[in-house]
Protein backbone atom coordinates (compact mmCIF):
# COMPACT_ATOMS: atom_id res chain seq x y z
CA MET A 1 -19.94 2.09 27.59
CA SER A 2 -17.44 1.94 30.45
CA LYS A 3 -14.85 4.60 31.12
CA GLU A 4 -12.14 2.12 30.11
CA ASP A 5 -13.80 1.37 26.76
CA SER A 6 -14.16 5.05 25.88
CA ALA A 7 -10.60 6.07 26.79
CA PRO A 8 -8.63 7.19 23.72
CA ILE A 9 -6.08 4.57 22.76
CA GLU A 10 -3.35 7.21 22.45
CA LYS A 11 -3.47 7.53 26.26
CA LEU A 12 -2.63 3.85 26.56
CA PHE A 13 0.41 4.23 24.28
CA GLY A 14 1.46 7.65 25.55
CA SER A 15 1.34 9.55 22.27
CA LYS A 16 -1.27 10.29 19.65
CA THR A 17 1.34 10.05 16.89
CA ARG A 18 2.63 6.74 18.23
CA ALA A 19 -0.89 5.30 18.37
CA LYS A 20 -1.55 6.44 14.80
CA LEU A 21 1.71 4.87 13.60
CA LEU A 22 0.92 1.57 15.29
CA GLY A 23 -2.54 1.71 13.75
CA LEU A 24 -1.11 2.38 10.31
CA PHE A 25 1.49 -0.40 10.41
CA PHE A 26 -0.44 -3.14 12.20
CA ALA A 27 -3.72 -2.56 10.39
CA ASN A 28 -1.80 -2.84 7.10
CA VAL A 29 0.71 -5.61 7.81
CA GLY A 30 2.96 -6.32 4.83
CA GLN A 31 2.77 -2.78 3.45
CA SER A 32 5.52 -0.22 3.83
CA TYR A 33 5.52 3.58 3.80
CA TYR A 34 8.08 6.37 3.52
CA VAL A 35 8.16 9.31 5.93
CA ARG A 36 6.35 11.98 3.92
CA GLU A 37 3.72 9.46 2.88
CA ILE A 38 3.18 8.60 6.55
CA THR A 39 2.75 12.25 7.54
CA ARG A 40 -0.01 12.62 4.94
CA LEU A 41 -1.76 9.39 5.93
CA ILE A 42 -1.84 10.08 9.67
CA ASN A 43 -2.01 13.88 9.41
CA GLU A 44 0.80 14.61 11.87
CA GLN A 45 3.87 16.84 11.79
CA ILE A 46 6.97 15.35 10.20
CA ASN A 47 9.20 15.99 13.24
CA SER A 48 6.77 14.12 15.49
CA VAL A 49 6.56 11.28 12.98
CA ARG A 50 10.34 10.99 12.68
CA ARG A 51 10.73 10.96 16.47
CA GLU A 52 8.16 8.22 16.99
CA LEU A 53 9.51 6.15 14.09
CA LEU A 54 12.92 6.20 15.78
CA ASN A 55 11.32 5.19 19.10
CA LEU A 56 9.41 2.29 17.55
CA GLU A 57 12.38 1.15 15.51
CA SER A 58 14.70 1.27 18.53
CA ILE A 59 12.55 -1.33 20.32
CA GLY A 60 12.11 -3.43 17.20
CA VAL A 61 8.38 -2.91 16.68
CA ILE A 62 8.92 -1.63 13.15
CA LYS A 63 11.65 -2.16 10.58
CA ASN A 64 12.92 -0.26 7.58
CA GLU A 65 14.30 -1.04 4.14
CA THR A 66 15.63 1.19 1.39
CA TYR A 67 14.20 1.02 -2.13
CA ASP A 68 15.01 3.44 -4.92
CA ASN A 69 16.86 5.77 -2.50
CA LYS A 70 13.87 6.04 -0.13
CA VAL A 71 13.56 4.53 3.35
CA TYR A 72 10.33 2.59 3.86
CA TYR A 73 8.94 1.52 7.24
CA SER A 74 6.71 -1.45 8.01
CA ALA A 75 5.52 -3.60 10.90
CA ASN A 76 8.09 -6.06 12.21
CA MET A 77 6.08 -9.26 12.50
CA LYS A 78 9.00 -11.01 14.22
CA HIS A 79 8.62 -8.81 17.30
CA PRO A 80 7.15 -10.69 20.32
CA TYR A 81 4.22 -8.25 20.52
CA ALA A 82 3.53 -8.10 16.78
CA HIS A 83 0.48 -10.34 16.81
CA PRO A 84 -1.08 -8.70 19.89
CA PHE A 85 -0.60 -5.32 18.17
CA GLN A 86 -2.23 -6.74 15.06
CA GLU A 87 -5.17 -7.92 17.14
CA ILE A 88 -5.53 -4.51 18.77
CA PHE A 89 -5.08 -2.29 15.73
CA GLY A 90 -6.21 -4.59 12.95
CA LYS A 91 -9.47 -5.92 14.34
CA LYS A 92 -10.74 -4.96 17.73
CA VAL A 93 -10.11 -1.31 18.52
CA ASN A 94 -12.94 1.18 18.12
CA SER A 95 -10.79 4.29 18.50
CA ASN A 96 -11.68 6.91 15.89
CA THR A 97 -7.99 7.80 15.62
CA VAL A 98 -6.95 4.34 14.44
CA VAL A 99 -10.04 3.67 12.31
CA GLU A 100 -9.50 6.94 10.41
CA VAL A 101 -5.84 6.07 9.81
CA LYS A 102 -6.76 2.60 8.56
CA ARG A 103 -9.32 4.03 6.15
CA ALA A 104 -6.91 6.70 4.92
CA ALA A 105 -4.17 4.15 4.31
CA ALA A 106 -6.46 1.89 2.30
CA ALA A 107 -7.75 4.80 0.23
CA ASN A 108 -4.41 6.43 -0.48
CA VAL A 109 -1.81 3.69 -0.79
CA TRP A 110 -2.19 3.22 -4.56
CA ASP A 111 -2.31 6.99 -5.11
CA GLU A 112 1.04 7.13 -3.34
CA TYR A 113 2.39 4.21 -5.37
CA ILE A 114 1.38 5.81 -8.67
CA ARG A 115 2.58 9.35 -8.04
CA PRO A 116 6.33 8.76 -8.80
CA VAL A 117 5.60 7.19 -12.22
CA GLU A 118 2.49 9.11 -13.22
CA LYS A 119 4.11 10.63 -16.31
CA TYR A 120 5.10 7.17 -17.60
CA LEU A 121 1.87 5.39 -16.70
CA ARG A 122 -1.16 5.31 -19.01
CA GLY A 123 -3.14 2.77 -17.04
CA LEU A 124 -2.99 0.27 -14.20
CA MET A 125 -5.26 -2.57 -13.23
CA VAL A 126 -4.62 -4.48 -10.02
CA THR A 127 -6.62 -7.69 -10.13
CA LYS A 128 -8.59 -9.18 -7.26
CA LYS A 129 -7.53 -12.81 -7.45
CA ILE A 130 -9.12 -15.45 -5.31
CA PRO A 131 -6.81 -18.02 -3.62
CA GLY A 132 -5.53 -20.49 -6.18
CA GLN A 133 -6.62 -18.41 -9.16
CA GLU A 134 -4.07 -18.03 -11.94
CA GLY A 135 -3.29 -14.81 -13.77
CA VAL A 136 -1.36 -11.61 -13.25
CA ASP A 137 -1.73 -9.31 -10.26
CA MET A 138 -0.97 -6.10 -12.15
CA LEU A 139 -1.57 -4.98 -15.72
CA ILE A 140 0.69 -1.97 -16.29
CA ILE A 141 0.26 0.19 -19.39
CA GLY A 142 2.85 2.80 -20.25
CA ASP A 143 6.28 3.75 -21.53
CA ASP A 144 8.89 1.35 -20.14
CA ARG A 145 11.74 2.10 -22.56
CA THR A 146 13.91 3.25 -19.65
CA LYS A 147 12.71 0.35 -17.43
CA LYS A 148 11.27 2.89 -15.01
CA LEU A 149 8.00 0.94 -14.78
CA THR A 150 9.82 -2.37 -14.34
CA ARG A 151 11.77 -1.00 -11.38
CA TRP A 152 8.58 0.54 -10.02
CA ALA A 153 6.72 -2.78 -10.23
CA GLU A 154 9.49 -4.45 -8.25
CA ILE A 155 9.25 -1.77 -5.56
CA VAL A 156 5.46 -2.15 -5.38
CA GLU A 157 5.89 -5.90 -4.99
CA LYS A 158 8.27 -5.39 -2.06
CA ARG A 159 6.01 -2.80 -0.46
CA GLN A 160 3.00 -5.09 -0.73
CA GLY A 161 5.02 -7.78 1.02
CA ARG A 162 4.01 -10.58 -1.36
CA PRO A 163 4.95 -11.94 -4.80
CA MET A 164 3.06 -10.12 -7.55
CA GLY A 165 2.96 -11.24 -11.15
CA TYR A 166 2.78 -8.34 -13.57
CA VAL A 167 2.81 -7.56 -17.26
CA ILE A 168 3.84 -4.27 -18.84
CA MET A 169 2.49 -3.16 -22.22
CA SER A 170 2.92 0.03 -24.20
CA ARG A 171 -0.26 1.97 -24.85
CA ASP A 172 -0.20 1.02 -28.56
CA ASP A 173 0.42 -2.66 -27.82
CA PHE A 174 -2.41 -2.69 -25.29
CA LEU A 175 -4.89 -1.04 -27.68
CA TYR A 176 -3.94 -3.41 -30.51
CA ARG A 177 -4.29 -6.51 -28.34
CA LYS A 178 -7.60 -5.25 -27.05
CA SER A 179 -8.88 -4.59 -30.59
CA VAL A 180 -8.09 -8.14 -31.74
CA ARG A 181 -9.38 -9.64 -28.49
CA ASP A 182 -6.05 -11.15 -27.57
CA ARG A 183 -6.88 -14.09 -25.28
CA PHE A 184 -4.20 -13.31 -22.68
CA LEU A 185 -5.34 -9.71 -22.33
CA THR A 186 -9.03 -10.60 -22.42
CA ASP A 187 -8.55 -13.00 -19.50
CA ILE A 188 -6.99 -10.20 -17.46
CA LEU A 189 -9.68 -7.67 -18.31
CA GLU A 190 -12.41 -10.13 -17.34
CA MET A 191 -11.01 -10.33 -13.80
CA GLU A 192 -12.38 -8.11 -11.07
CA ALA A 193 -10.27 -5.00 -10.43
CA ALA A 194 -9.10 -4.36 -6.88
CA GLU A 195 -7.58 -1.04 -8.01
CA LEU A 196 -7.94 0.79 -11.31
CA TYR A 197 -6.00 3.77 -12.63
CA ASP A 198 -7.44 4.61 -16.03
CA PRO A 199 -7.16 8.35 -16.77
CA GLU A 200 -7.67 7.88 -20.53
CA LYS A 201 -10.53 5.36 -20.11
CA ILE A 202 -8.74 2.77 -22.22
CA ILE A 203 -9.01 -0.17 -19.83
CA LYS A 204 -12.67 -0.03 -18.87
CA GLU A 205 -14.70 1.75 -21.54
């Protein structure tokens, strides 16, 4: 391996935190993250993260939007260097720093999504649809009397950066439909799960 190949990528971009942020955003294009979530995912101090977010935003590499009184940051794919960054951080780089961030983001994003509504949520199934396949993207089970889960689903959709069809059922409604083998629910449950939150083991027994 040449000296150039083994050089840490943070040296190229001048900052370990900056390299980690670029790795997070451009390896996960379309997803957005709030500041404290970012600090956990890249394991850096919040002051350093805030400083580098401001730097990247000032040159237009990332953008931010506010949902539910939180500011979320994501890759700005309209920036002239967006696709080169995606090539570097999404596919080709072998840097341990960026690979670890990419793995952490993939492993923790749904944990972060779920945390704010955990007390309302009894189960969640995110389906793994193939292109052209019909059906819902999210089966949400829980108490939505205050529309907390509805608002949450809309935020998740925005953070995922793509339209997501979802259905929300109360725990009792879900269990009844499952017991009578409701066709609509059965079709969902027969799909492969990309993510599954099932603390009471009511979705997959």
